[in-house]
Amino acid sequence: MTENQFPYEAWVLTAGFAPKKVEIVGIYSSEGWMRAQSRKTYHQVDLFTSKEKATEAGMAPTG
């Protein structure tokens, strides 16, 4: 998601797998870490473009 201009909104999963909207304000490191407005850092693989995609990522695979 680093191709986006800052700031932008993204979705993350909380520890309880609930989707949460965050505002990403910049790059924290060149290793894929992003900084949110709340000053918390998230790795780019944990950021999703929609609530639905975040929810899908939190679902356990079946089968």
C-alpha atoms as a PDB file:
ATOM      1  CA  MET A   1       0.000   0.000   0.000  1.00  0.00           C
ATOM      2  CA  THR A   2       2.991   2.310  -0.104  1.00  0.00           C
ATOM      3  CA  GLU A   3       1.938   3.660  -3.505  1.00  0.00           C
ATOM      4  CA  ASN A   4      -0.774   5.742  -1.800  1.00  0.00           C
ATOM      5  CA  GLN A   5      -0.312   9.384  -0.977  1.00  0.00           C
ATOM      6  CA  PHE A   6      -0.513  10.324   2.669  1.00  0.00           C
ATOM      7  CA  PRO A   7      -2.665  10.527   4.622  1.00  0.00           C
ATOM      8  CA  TYR A   8      -5.016   7.706   3.655  1.00  0.00           C
ATOM      9  CA  GLU A   9      -7.491   5.452   5.407  1.00  0.00           C
ATOM     10  CA  ALA A  10      -6.859   1.744   5.822  1.00  0.00           C
ATOM     11  CA  TRP A  11      -8.418  -1.101   7.761  1.00  0.00           C
ATOM     12  CA  VAL A  12      -6.635  -3.317  10.287  1.00  0.00           C
ATOM     13  CA  LEU A  13      -7.720  -6.211  12.465  1.00  0.00           C
ATOM     14  CA  THR A  14      -7.636  -5.780  16.239  1.00  0.00           C
ATOM     15  CA  ALA A  15      -6.405  -8.533  18.555  1.00  0.00           C
ATOM     16  CA  GLY A  16      -9.998  -9.795  18.723  1.00  0.00           C
ATOM     17  CA  PHE A  17     -10.207  -9.863  14.902  1.00  0.00           C
ATOM     18  CA  ALA A  18     -12.568  -6.880  14.750  1.00  0.00           C
ATOM     19  CA  PRO A  19     -11.928  -4.584  11.758  1.00  0.00           C
ATOM     20  CA  LYS A  20     -10.859  -1.044  12.655  1.00  0.00           C
ATOM     21  CA  LYS A  21     -10.349   1.998  10.414  1.00  0.00           C
ATOM     22  CA  VAL A  22      -7.040   3.841  10.853  1.00  0.00           C
ATOM     23  CA  GLU A  23      -5.501   6.874   9.174  1.00  0.00           C
ATOM     24  CA  ILE A  24      -2.021   6.198   7.830  1.00  0.00           C
ATOM     25  CA  VAL A  25       0.084   9.354   7.812  1.00  0.00           C
ATOM     26  CA  GLY A  26       3.487   8.175   6.667  1.00  0.00           C
ATOM     27  CA  ILE A  27       6.167   5.562   6.269  1.00  0.00           C
ATOM     28  CA  TYR A  28       7.796   4.503   9.535  1.00  0.00           C
ATOM     29  CA  SER A  29      10.611   2.427   8.019  1.00  0.00           C
ATOM     30  CA  SER A  30      11.809   1.111   4.686  1.00  0.00           C
ATOM     31  CA  GLU A  31      10.978  -2.425   5.855  1.00  0.00           C
ATOM     32  CA  GLY A  32       7.247  -1.956   5.289  1.00  0.00           C
ATOM     33  CA  TRP A  33       6.169  -0.327   8.539  1.00  0.00           C
ATOM     34  CA  MET A  34       3.642   2.497   8.336  1.00  0.00           C
ATOM     35  CA  ARG A  35       2.735   5.125  10.945  1.00  0.00           C
ATOM     36  CA  ALA A  36      -0.862   5.879  11.873  1.00  0.00           C
ATOM     37  CA  GLN A  37      -2.189   9.202  13.111  1.00  0.00           C
ATOM     38  CA  SER A  38      -2.475   7.558  16.542  1.00  0.00           C
ATOM     39  CA  ARG A  39       1.340   7.071  16.406  1.00  0.00           C
ATOM     40  CA  LYS A  40       0.898   3.311  16.328  1.00  0.00           C
ATOM     41  CA  THR A  41       2.820   1.430  13.638  1.00  0.00           C
ATOM     42  CA  TYR A  42       1.422  -1.233  11.336  1.00  0.00           C
ATOM     43  CA  HIS A  43       3.175  -3.451   8.831  1.00  0.00           C
ATOM     44  CA  GLN A  44       1.850  -2.958   5.307  1.00  0.00           C
ATOM     45  CA  VAL A  45       0.722  -6.607   5.089  1.00  0.00           C
ATOM     46  CA  ASP A  46      -1.684  -5.890   7.968  1.00  0.00           C
ATOM     47  CA  LEU A  47      -3.331  -2.929   6.184  1.00  0.00           C
ATOM     48  CA  PHE A  48      -6.390  -3.509   4.026  1.00  0.00           C
ATOM     49  CA  THR A  49      -8.207  -1.265   1.567  1.00  0.00           C
ATOM     50  CA  SER A  50     -11.682  -2.120   2.846  1.00  0.00           C
ATOM     51  CA  LYS A  51     -13.493  -3.443   5.896  1.00  0.00           C
ATOM     52  CA  GLU A  52     -14.573  -6.468   3.870  1.00  0.00           C
ATOM     53  CA  LYS A  53     -10.989  -7.385   2.931  1.00  0.00           C
ATOM     54  CA  ALA A  54      -9.868  -7.040   6.549  1.00  0.00           C
ATOM     55  CA  THR A  55     -12.732  -9.266   7.683  1.00  0.00           C
ATOM     56  CA  GLU A  56     -11.897 -11.887   5.044  1.00  0.00           C
ATOM     57  CA  ALA A  57      -8.263 -11.914   6.175  1.00  0.00           C
ATOM     58  CA  GLY A  58      -9.363 -12.621   9.738  1.00  0.00           C
ATOM     59  CA  MET A  59     -11.482 -15.618   8.837  1.00  0.00           C
ATOM     60  CA  ALA A  60      -9.931 -19.012   9.474  1.00  0.00           C
ATOM     61  CA  PRO A  61      -9.553 -21.156   6.364  1.00  0.00           C
ATOM     62  CA  THR A  62     -12.103 -23.917   6.101  1.00  0.00           C
ATOM     63  CA  GLY A  63     -11.698 -27.309   4.552  1.00  0.00           C
END
